[in-house]
């Protein structure tokens, strides 16, 4: 079951990533730069709400997880970067 879920997620995220198109009001140079950066980066969803139960407990995403896996408190650590890094 874990392999099936992993495979489904992989193809879903791949399709979504490939299907992204530039918004009509976007700056083409900025969009191209953002796409290049995104494609060269490792992007990881750091939320621990559901990925651990999917792996450890064979949790099915079709089932409700309300009140079962959401963690409040100090688990989320935001990361801020100096705006000069964007230049």
PDB file of N, CA and C in Angstrom:
ATOM      1  N   UNK A   1       0.820  -1.192   0.000  1.00  0.00           N
ATOM      2  CA  UNK A   1       0.000   0.000   0.000  1.00  0.00           C
ATOM      3  C   UNK A   1       0.870   1.266   0.000  1.00  0.00           C
ATOM      4  N   UNK A   2       1.990   1.219   0.739  1.00  0.00           N
ATOM      5  CA  UNK A   2       2.877   2.382   0.794  1.00  0.00           C
ATOM      6  C   UNK A   2       3.451   2.704  -0.582  1.00  0.00           C
ATOM      7  N   UNK A   3       3.801   1.671  -1.334  1.00  0.00           N
ATOM      8  CA  UNK A   3       4.357   1.888  -2.672  1.00  0.00           C
ATOM      9  C   UNK A   3       3.307   2.472  -3.609  1.00  0.00           C
ATOM     10  N   UNK A   4       2.072   2.018  -3.465  1.00  0.00           N
ATOM     11  CA  UNK A   4       0.992   2.528  -4.310  1.00  0.00           C
ATOM     12  C   UNK A   4       0.766   4.010  -4.030  1.00  0.00           C
ATOM     13  N   UNK A   5       0.691   4.374  -2.755  1.00  0.00           N
ATOM     14  CA  UNK A   5       0.484   5.775  -2.387  1.00  0.00           C
ATOM     15  C   UNK A   5       1.651   6.624  -2.870  1.00  0.00           C
ATOM     16  N   UNK A   6       2.866   6.145  -2.663  1.00  0.00           N
ATOM     17  CA  UNK A   6       4.046   6.890  -3.107  1.00  0.00           C
ATOM     18  C   UNK A   6       4.032   7.097  -4.618  1.00  0.00           C
ATOM     19  N   UNK A   7       3.669   6.068  -5.356  1.00  0.00           N
ATOM     20  CA  UNK A   7       3.613   6.158  -6.817  1.00  0.00           C
ATOM     21  C   UNK A   7       2.549   7.151  -7.261  1.00  0.00           C
ATOM     22  N   UNK A   8       1.377   7.083  -6.651  1.00  0.00           N
ATOM     23  CA  UNK A   8       0.293   8.007  -6.993  1.00  0.00           C
ATOM     24  C   UNK A   8       0.708   9.447  -6.699  1.00  0.00           C
ATOM     25  N   UNK A   9       1.290   9.670  -5.535  1.00  0.00           N
ATOM     26  CA  UNK A   9       1.734  11.015  -5.175  1.00  0.00           C
ATOM     27  C   UNK A   9       2.803  11.527  -6.136  1.00  0.00           C
ATOM     28  N   UNK A  10       3.739  10.668  -6.500  1.00  0.00           N
ATOM     29  CA  UNK A  10       4.801  11.063  -7.426  1.00  0.00           C
ATOM     30  C   UNK A  10       4.220  11.533  -8.754  1.00  0.00           C
ATOM     31  N   UNK A  11       3.328  10.749  -9.333  1.00  0.00           N
ATOM     32  CA  UNK A  11       2.765  11.113 -10.624  1.00  0.00           C
ATOM     33  C   UNK A  11       1.848  12.328 -10.523  1.00  0.00           C
ATOM     34  N   UNK A  12       1.134  12.460  -9.419  1.00  0.00           N
ATOM     35  CA  UNK A  12       0.275  13.624  -9.226  1.00  0.00           C
ATOM     36  C   UNK A  12       1.101  14.897  -9.161  1.00  0.00           C
ATOM     37  N   UNK A  13       2.143  14.892  -8.333  1.00  0.00           N
ATOM     38  CA  UNK A  13       2.975  16.083  -8.197  1.00  0.00           C
ATOM     39  C   UNK A  13       3.748  16.380  -9.476  1.00  0.00           C
ATOM     40  N   UNK A  14       4.156  15.354 -10.194  1.00  0.00           N
ATOM     41  CA  UNK A  14       4.848  15.559 -11.464  1.00  0.00           C
ATOM     42  C   UNK A  14       3.913  16.222 -12.469  1.00  0.00           C
ATOM     43  N   UNK A  15       2.692  15.729 -12.545  1.00  0.00           N
ATOM     44  CA  UNK A  15       1.721  16.296 -13.485  1.00  0.00           C
ATOM     45  C   UNK A  15       1.399  17.742 -13.137  1.00  0.00           C
ATOM     46  N   UNK A  16       1.240  18.026 -11.859  1.00  0.00           N
ATOM     47  CA  UNK A  16       0.935  19.393 -11.431  1.00  0.00           C
ATOM     48  C   UNK A  16       2.097  20.323 -11.743  1.00  0.00           C
ATOM     49  N   UNK A  17       3.303  19.874 -11.490  1.00  0.00           N
ATOM     50  CA  UNK A  17       4.483  20.697 -11.755  1.00  0.00           C
ATOM     51  C   UNK A  17       4.631  20.985 -13.242  1.00  0.00           C
ATOM     52  N   UNK A  18       4.451  19.984 -14.067  1.00  0.00           N
ATOM     53  CA  UNK A  18       4.602  20.169 -15.509  1.00  0.00           C
ATOM     54  C   UNK A  18       3.471  20.994 -16.104  1.00  0.00           C
ATOM     55  N   UNK A  19       2.334  21.014 -15.436  1.00  0.00           N
ATOM     56  CA  UNK A  19       1.170  21.714 -15.963  1.00  0.00           C
ATOM     57  C   UNK A  19       1.160  23.201 -15.624  1.00  0.00           C
ATOM     58  N   UNK A  20       2.116  23.673 -14.846  1.00  0.00           N
ATOM     59  CA  UNK A  20       2.137  25.078 -14.456  1.00  0.00           C
ATOM     60  C   UNK A  20       2.465  25.957 -15.653  1.00  0.00           C
ATOM     61  N   UNK A  21       1.676  26.995 -15.806  1.00  0.00           N
ATOM     62  CA  UNK A  21       1.913  27.948 -16.884  1.00  0.00           C
ATOM     63  C   UNK A  21       2.022  29.352 -16.298  1.00  0.00           C
ATOM     64  N   UNK A  22       2.676  30.219 -17.032  1.00  0.00           N
ATOM     65  CA  UNK A  22       2.877  31.580 -16.567  1.00  0.00           C
ATOM     66  C   UNK A  22       1.553  32.344 -16.572  1.00  0.00           C
ATOM     67  N   UNK A  23       1.217  33.009 -15.466  1.00  0.00           N
ATOM     68  CA  UNK A  23       0.007  33.846 -15.447  1.00  0.00           C
ATOM     69  C   UNK A  23       0.121  34.972 -16.475  1.00  0.00           C
ATOM     70  N   UNK A  24      -1.001  35.423 -16.987  1.00  0.00           N
ATOM     71  CA  UNK A  24      -1.004  36.440 -18.045  1.00  0.00           C
ATOM     72  C   UNK A  24      -0.353  37.750 -17.613  1.00  0.00           C
ATOM     73  N   UNK A  25      -0.472  38.093 -16.331  1.00  0.00           N
ATOM     74  CA  UNK A  25       0.066  39.373 -15.869  1.00  0.00           C
ATOM     75  C   UNK A  25       1.471  39.259 -15.269  1.00  0.00           C
ATOM     76  N   UNK A  26       2.121  38.119 -15.433  1.00  0.00           N
ATOM     77  CA  UNK A  26       3.450  37.905 -14.846  1.00  0.00           C
ATOM     78  C   UNK A  26       4.555  38.470 -15.732  1.00  0.00           C
ATOM     79  N   UNK A  27       5.637  38.854 -15.098  1.00  0.00           N
ATOM     80  CA  UNK A  27       6.832  39.322 -15.802  1.00  0.00           C
ATOM     81  C   UNK A  27       7.558  38.092 -16.357  1.00  0.00           C
ATOM     82  N   UNK A  28       7.707  37.974 -17.680  1.00  0.00           N
ATOM     83  CA  UNK A  28       8.325  36.779 -18.267  1.00  0.00           C
ATOM     84  C   UNK A  28       9.734  36.486 -17.750  1.00  0.00           C
ATOM     85  N   UNK A  29      10.549  37.529 -17.541  1.00  0.00           N
ATOM     86  CA  UNK A  29      11.910  37.307 -17.040  1.00  0.00           C
ATOM     87  C   UNK A  29      11.887  36.763 -15.615  1.00  0.00           C
ATOM     88  N   UNK A  30      11.031  37.350 -14.784  1.00  0.00           N
ATOM     89  CA  UNK A  30      10.927  36.892 -13.400  1.00  0.00           C
ATOM     90  C   UNK A  30      10.371  35.469 -13.347  1.00  0.00           C
ATOM     91  N   UNK A  31       9.375  35.184 -14.197  1.00  0.00           N
ATOM     92  CA  UNK A  31       8.788  33.845 -14.241  1.00  0.00           C
ATOM     93  C   UNK A  31       9.840  32.811 -14.651  1.00  0.00           C
ATOM     94  N   UNK A  32      10.612  33.118 -15.683  1.00  0.00           N
ATOM     95  CA  UNK A  32      11.652  32.188 -16.146  1.00  0.00           C
ATOM     96  C   UNK A  32      12.686  31.953 -15.050  1.00  0.00           C
ATOM     97  N   UNK A  33      13.048  33.014 -14.350  1.00  0.00           N
ATOM     98  CA  UNK A  33      14.013  32.883 -13.248  1.00  0.00           C
ATOM     99  C   UNK A  33      13.446  32.011 -12.118  1.00  0.00           C
ATOM    100  N   UNK A  34      12.164  32.229 -11.809  1.00  0.00           N
ATOM    101  CA  UNK A  34      11.522  31.444 -10.747  1.00  0.00           C
ATOM    102  C   UNK A  34      11.421  29.969 -11.127  1.00  0.00           C
ATOM    103  N   UNK A  35      11.068  29.689 -12.367  1.00  0.00           N
ATOM    104  CA  UNK A  35      10.968  28.299 -12.827  1.00  0.00           C
ATOM    105  C   UNK A  35      12.338  27.628 -12.785  1.00  0.00           C
ATOM    106  N   UNK A  36      13.368  28.347 -13.228  1.00  0.00           N
ATOM    107  CA  UNK A  36      14.731  27.796 -13.200  1.00  0.00           C
ATOM    108  C   UNK A  36      15.151  27.484 -11.765  1.00  0.00           C
ATOM    109  N   UNK A  37      14.875  28.404 -10.855  1.00  0.00           N
ATOM    110  CA  UNK A  37      15.206  28.190  -9.447  1.00  0.00           C
ATOM    111  C   UNK A  37      14.441  26.999  -8.881  1.00  0.00           C
ATOM    112  N   UNK A  38      13.151  26.927  -9.184  1.00  0.00           N
ATOM    113  CA  UNK A  38      12.320  25.828  -8.684  1.00  0.00           C
ATOM    114  C   UNK A  38      12.818  24.475  -9.192  1.00  0.00           C
ATOM    115  N   UNK A  39      13.154  24.415 -10.471  1.00  0.00           N
ATOM    116  CA  UNK A  39      13.608  23.150 -11.053  1.00  0.00           C
ATOM    117  C   UNK A  39      14.976  22.722 -10.542  1.00  0.00           C
ATOM    118  N   UNK A  40      15.773  23.673 -10.078  1.00  0.00           N
ATOM    119  CA  UNK A  40      17.102  23.323  -9.572  1.00  0.00           C
ATOM    120  C   UNK A  40      17.110  23.100  -8.061  1.00  0.00           C
ATOM    121  N   UNK A  41      15.956  23.229  -7.437  1.00  0.00           N
ATOM    122  CA  UNK A  41      15.869  23.108  -5.979  1.00  0.00           C
ATOM    123  C   UNK A  41      15.228  21.795  -5.567  1.00  0.00           C
ATOM    124  N   UNK A  42      15.555  21.387  -4.368  1.00  0.00           N
ATOM    125  CA  UNK A  42      14.855  20.263  -3.755  1.00  0.00           C
ATOM    126  C   UNK A  42      13.771  20.885  -2.886  1.00  0.00           C
ATOM    127  N   UNK A  43      12.518  20.630  -3.232  1.00  0.00           N
ATOM    128  CA  UNK A  43      11.401  21.216  -2.506  1.00  0.00           C
ATOM    129  C   UNK A  43      10.775  20.134  -1.641  1.00  0.00           C
ATOM    130  N   UNK A  44      10.740  20.403  -0.341  1.00  0.00           N
ATOM    131  CA  UNK A  44      10.209  19.427   0.609  1.00  0.00           C
ATOM    132  C   UNK A  44       9.121  20.084   1.438  1.00  0.00           C
ATOM    133  N   UNK A  45       7.987  19.426   1.533  1.00  0.00           N
ATOM    134  CA  UNK A  45       6.925  19.901   2.417  1.00  0.00           C
ATOM    135  C   UNK A  45       7.307  19.501   3.829  1.00  0.00           C
ATOM    136  N   UNK A  46       7.665  20.456   4.642  1.00  0.00           N
ATOM    137  CA  UNK A  46       8.124  20.165   5.996  1.00  0.00           C
ATOM    138  C   UNK A  46       7.022  19.990   7.013  1.00  0.00           C
ATOM    139  N   UNK A  47       5.771  20.079   6.596  1.00  0.00           N
ATOM    140  CA  UNK A  47       4.689  19.869   7.548  1.00  0.00           C
ATOM    141  C   UNK A  47       4.671  18.406   7.968  1.00  0.00           C
ATOM    142  N   UNK A  48       4.559  18.174   9.246  1.00  0.00           N
ATOM    143  CA  UNK A  48       4.576  16.798   9.738  1.00  0.00           C
ATOM    144  C   UNK A  48       3.177  16.303  10.057  1.00  0.00           C
ATOM    145  N   UNK A  49       2.152  16.989   9.565  1.00  0.00           N
ATOM    146  CA  UNK A  49       0.782  16.632   9.899  1.00  0.00           C
ATOM    147  C   UNK A  49       0.371  15.262   9.353  1.00  0.00           C
ATOM    148  N   UNK A  50       0.780  14.929   8.147  1.00  0.00           N
ATOM    149  CA  UNK A  50       0.211  13.736   7.521  1.00  0.00           C
ATOM    150  C   UNK A  50       1.238  12.798   6.897  1.00  0.00           C
ATOM    151  N   UNK A  51       2.418  13.282   6.557  1.00  0.00           N
ATOM    152  CA  UNK A  51       3.371  12.398   5.887  1.00  0.00           C
ATOM    153  C   UNK A  51       3.842  11.253   6.772  1.00  0.00           C
ATOM    154  N   UNK A  52       4.086  11.520   8.036  1.00  0.00           N
ATOM    155  CA  UNK A  52       4.511  10.437   8.937  1.00  0.00           C
ATOM    156  C   UNK A  52       3.437   9.371   9.094  1.00  0.00           C
ATOM    157  N   UNK A  53       2.161   9.738   9.343  1.00  0.00           N
ATOM    158  CA  UNK A  53       1.126   8.701   9.426  1.00  0.00           C
ATOM    159  C   UNK A  53       0.970   7.907   8.127  1.00  0.00           C
ATOM    160  N   UNK A  54       1.202   8.567   6.975  1.00  0.00           N
ATOM    161  CA  UNK A  54       1.101   7.840   5.708  1.00  0.00           C
ATOM    162  C   UNK A  54       2.144   6.734   5.637  1.00  0.00           C
ATOM    163  N   UNK A  55       3.340   7.035   6.102  1.00  0.00           N
ATOM    164  CA  UNK A  55       4.432   6.066   6.036  1.00  0.00           C
ATOM    165  C   UNK A  55       4.375   5.084   7.203  1.00  0.00           C
ATOM    166  N   UNK A  56       4.248   5.614   8.416  1.00  0.00           N
ATOM    167  CA  UNK A  56       4.340   4.782   9.615  1.00  0.00           C
ATOM    168  C   UNK A  56       3.093   3.952   9.897  1.00  0.00           C
ATOM    169  N   UNK A  57       1.919   4.508   9.577  1.00  0.00           N
ATOM    170  CA  UNK A  57       0.666   3.847   9.948  1.00  0.00           C
ATOM    171  C   UNK A  57      -0.161   3.421   8.745  1.00  0.00           C
ATOM    172  N   UNK A  58       0.393   3.551   7.549  1.00  0.00           N
ATOM    173  CA  UNK A  58      -0.330   3.196   6.325  1.00  0.00           C
ATOM    174  C   UNK A  58      -1.651   3.960   6.225  1.00  0.00           C
ATOM    175  N   UNK A  59      -1.614   5.251   6.597  1.00  0.00           N
ATOM    176  CA  UNK A  59      -2.812   6.082   6.590  1.00  0.00           C
ATOM    177  C   UNK A  59      -3.298   6.309   5.171  1.00  0.00           C
ATOM    178  N   UNK A  60      -4.602   6.206   4.970  1.00  0.00           N
ATOM    179  CA  UNK A  60      -5.228   6.406   3.669  1.00  0.00           C
ATOM    180  C   UNK A  60      -5.714   7.854   3.573  1.00  0.00           C
ATOM    181  N   UNK A  61      -5.242   8.598   2.588  1.00  0.00           N
ATOM    182  CA  UNK A  61      -5.623  10.001   2.444  1.00  0.00           C
ATOM    183  C   UNK A  61      -7.114  10.196   2.182  1.00  0.00           C
ATOM    184  N   UNK A  62      -7.803   9.163   1.761  1.00  0.00           N
ATOM    185  CA  UNK A  62      -9.237   9.269   1.521  1.00  0.00           C
ATOM    186  C   UNK A  62     -10.027   9.322   2.829  1.00  0.00           C
ATOM    187  N   UNK A  63      -9.390   8.961   3.933  1.00  0.00           N
ATOM    188  CA  UNK A  63     -10.065   8.973   5.236  1.00  0.00           C
ATOM    189  C   UNK A  63      -9.845  10.323   5.918  1.00  0.00           C
ATOM    190  N   UNK A  64     -10.797  10.717   6.760  1.00  0.00           N
ATOM    191  CA  UNK A  64     -10.679  11.980   7.491  1.00  0.00           C
ATOM    192  C   UNK A  64      -9.603  11.876   8.564  1.00  0.00           C
ATOM    193  N   UNK A  65      -8.811  12.931   8.687  1.00  0.00           N
ATOM    194  CA  UNK A  65      -7.787  12.964   9.732  1.00  0.00           C
ATOM    195  C   UNK A  65      -8.069  14.088  10.728  1.00  0.00           C
ATOM    196  N   UNK A  66      -9.258  14.665  10.662  1.00  0.00           N
ATOM    197  CA  UNK A  66      -9.616  15.785  11.525  1.00  0.00           C
ATOM    198  C   UNK A  66      -9.419  15.431  12.993  1.00  0.00           C
ATOM    199  N   UNK A  67      -8.618  16.239  13.666  1.00  0.00           N
ATOM    200  CA  UNK A  67      -8.374  16.051  15.090  1.00  0.00           C
ATOM    201  C   UNK A  67      -7.447  14.908  15.445  1.00  0.00           C
ATOM    202  N   UNK A  68      -6.960  14.182  14.459  1.00  0.00           N
ATOM    203  CA  UNK A  68      -6.127  13.022  14.753  1.00  0.00           C
ATOM    204  C   UNK A  68      -4.639  13.298  14.557  1.00  0.00           C
ATOM    205  N   UNK A  69      -4.270  13.989  13.506  1.00  0.00           N
ATOM    206  CA  UNK A  69      -2.858  14.162  13.179  1.00  0.00           C
ATOM    207  C   UNK A  69      -2.365  15.601  13.207  1.00  0.00           C
ATOM    208  N   UNK A  70      -3.248  16.573  13.257  1.00  0.00           N
ATOM    209  CA  UNK A  70      -2.798  17.968  13.233  1.00  0.00           C
ATOM    210  C   UNK A  70      -2.055  18.290  14.519  1.00  0.00           C
ATOM    211  N   UNK A  71      -0.869  18.859  14.390  1.00  0.00           N
ATOM    212  CA  UNK A  71      -0.056  19.191  15.554  1.00  0.00           C
ATOM    213  C   UNK A  71       0.080  20.700  15.673  1.00  0.00           C
ATOM    214  N   UNK A  72      -0.373  21.240  16.788  1.00  0.00           N
ATOM    215  CA  UNK A  72      -0.186  22.660  17.061  1.00  0.00           C
ATOM    216  C   UNK A  72       1.005  22.822  17.986  1.00  0.00           C
ATOM    217  N   UNK A  73       1.533  24.008  18.020  1.00  0.00           N
ATOM    218  CA  UNK A  73       2.629  24.242  18.949  1.00  0.00           C
ATOM    219  C   UNK A  73       3.918  24.555  18.234  1.00  0.00           C
ATOM    220  N   UNK A  74       5.021  24.042  18.758  1.00  0.00           N
ATOM    221  CA  UNK A  74       6.341  24.436  18.272  1.00  0.00           C
ATOM    222  C   UNK A  74       6.882  23.564  17.153  1.00  0.00           C
ATOM    223  N   UNK A  75       6.065  22.798  16.486  1.00  0.00           N
ATOM    224  CA  UNK A  75       6.555  21.925  15.419  1.00  0.00           C
ATOM    225  C   UNK A  75       6.900  22.693  14.147  1.00  0.00           C
ATOM    226  N   UNK A  76       6.258  23.824  13.926  1.00  0.00           N
ATOM    227  CA  UNK A  76       6.488  24.590  12.698  1.00  0.00           C
ATOM    228  C   UNK A  76       7.509  25.684  12.972  1.00  0.00           C
ATOM    229  N   UNK A  77       8.557  25.722  12.206  1.00  0.00           N
ATOM    230  CA  UNK A  77       9.584  26.745  12.348  1.00  0.00           C
ATOM    231  C   UNK A  77       9.687  27.509  11.036  1.00  0.00           C
ATOM    232  N   UNK A  78       9.139  28.728  10.982  1.00  0.00           N
ATOM    233  CA  UNK A  78       9.231  29.492   9.737  1.00  0.00           C
ATOM    234  C   UNK A  78      10.668  29.911   9.445  1.00  0.00           C
ATOM    235  N   UNK A  79      10.973  30.008   8.181  1.00  0.00           N
ATOM    236  CA  UNK A  79      12.311  30.408   7.758  1.00  0.00           C
ATOM    237  C   UNK A  79      12.182  31.702   6.958  1.00  0.00           C
ATOM    238  N   UNK A  80      12.912  32.705   7.374  1.00  0.00           N
ATOM    239  CA  UNK A  80      12.867  33.990   6.695  1.00  0.00           C
ATOM    240  C   UNK A  80      14.233  34.288   6.089  1.00  0.00           C
ATOM    241  N   UNK A  81      14.226  34.895   4.916  1.00  0.00           N
ATOM    242  CA  UNK A  81      15.468  35.267   4.247  1.00  0.00           C
ATOM    243  C   UNK A  81      15.490  36.770   4.038  1.00  0.00           C
ATOM    244  N   UNK A  82      16.648  37.319   4.063  1.00  0.00           N
ATOM    245  CA  UNK A  82      16.844  38.730   3.796  1.00  0.00           C
ATOM    246  C   UNK A  82      16.378  39.026   2.367  1.00  0.00           C
ATOM    247  N   UNK A  83      15.601  40.080   2.195  1.00  0.00           N
ATOM    248  CA  UNK A  83      15.056  40.400   0.870  1.00  0.00           C
ATOM    249  C   UNK A  83      16.148  40.691  -0.156  1.00  0.00           C
ATOM    250  N   UNK A  84      17.339  41.035   0.290  1.00  0.00           N
ATOM    251  CA  UNK A  84      18.430  41.302  -0.652  1.00  0.00           C
ATOM    252  C   UNK A  84      18.862  40.040  -1.393  1.00  0.00           C
ATOM    253  N   UNK A  85      18.550  38.872  -0.836  1.00  0.00           N
ATOM    254  CA  UNK A  85      18.917  37.618  -1.500  1.00  0.00           C
ATOM    255  C   UNK A  85      18.135  37.419  -2.789  1.00  0.00           C
ATOM    256  N   UNK A  86      17.004  38.093  -2.930  1.00  0.00           N
ATOM    257  CA  UNK A  86      16.173  37.952  -4.128  1.00  0.00           C
ATOM    258  C   UNK A  86      16.729  38.756  -5.298  1.00  0.00           C
ATOM    259  N   UNK A  87      17.660  39.626  -5.023  1.00  0.00           N
ATOM    260  CA  UNK A  87      18.206  40.479  -6.088  1.00  0.00           C
ATOM    261  C   UNK A  87      19.362  39.822  -6.791  1.00  0.00           C
TER     262      UNK A  87
END
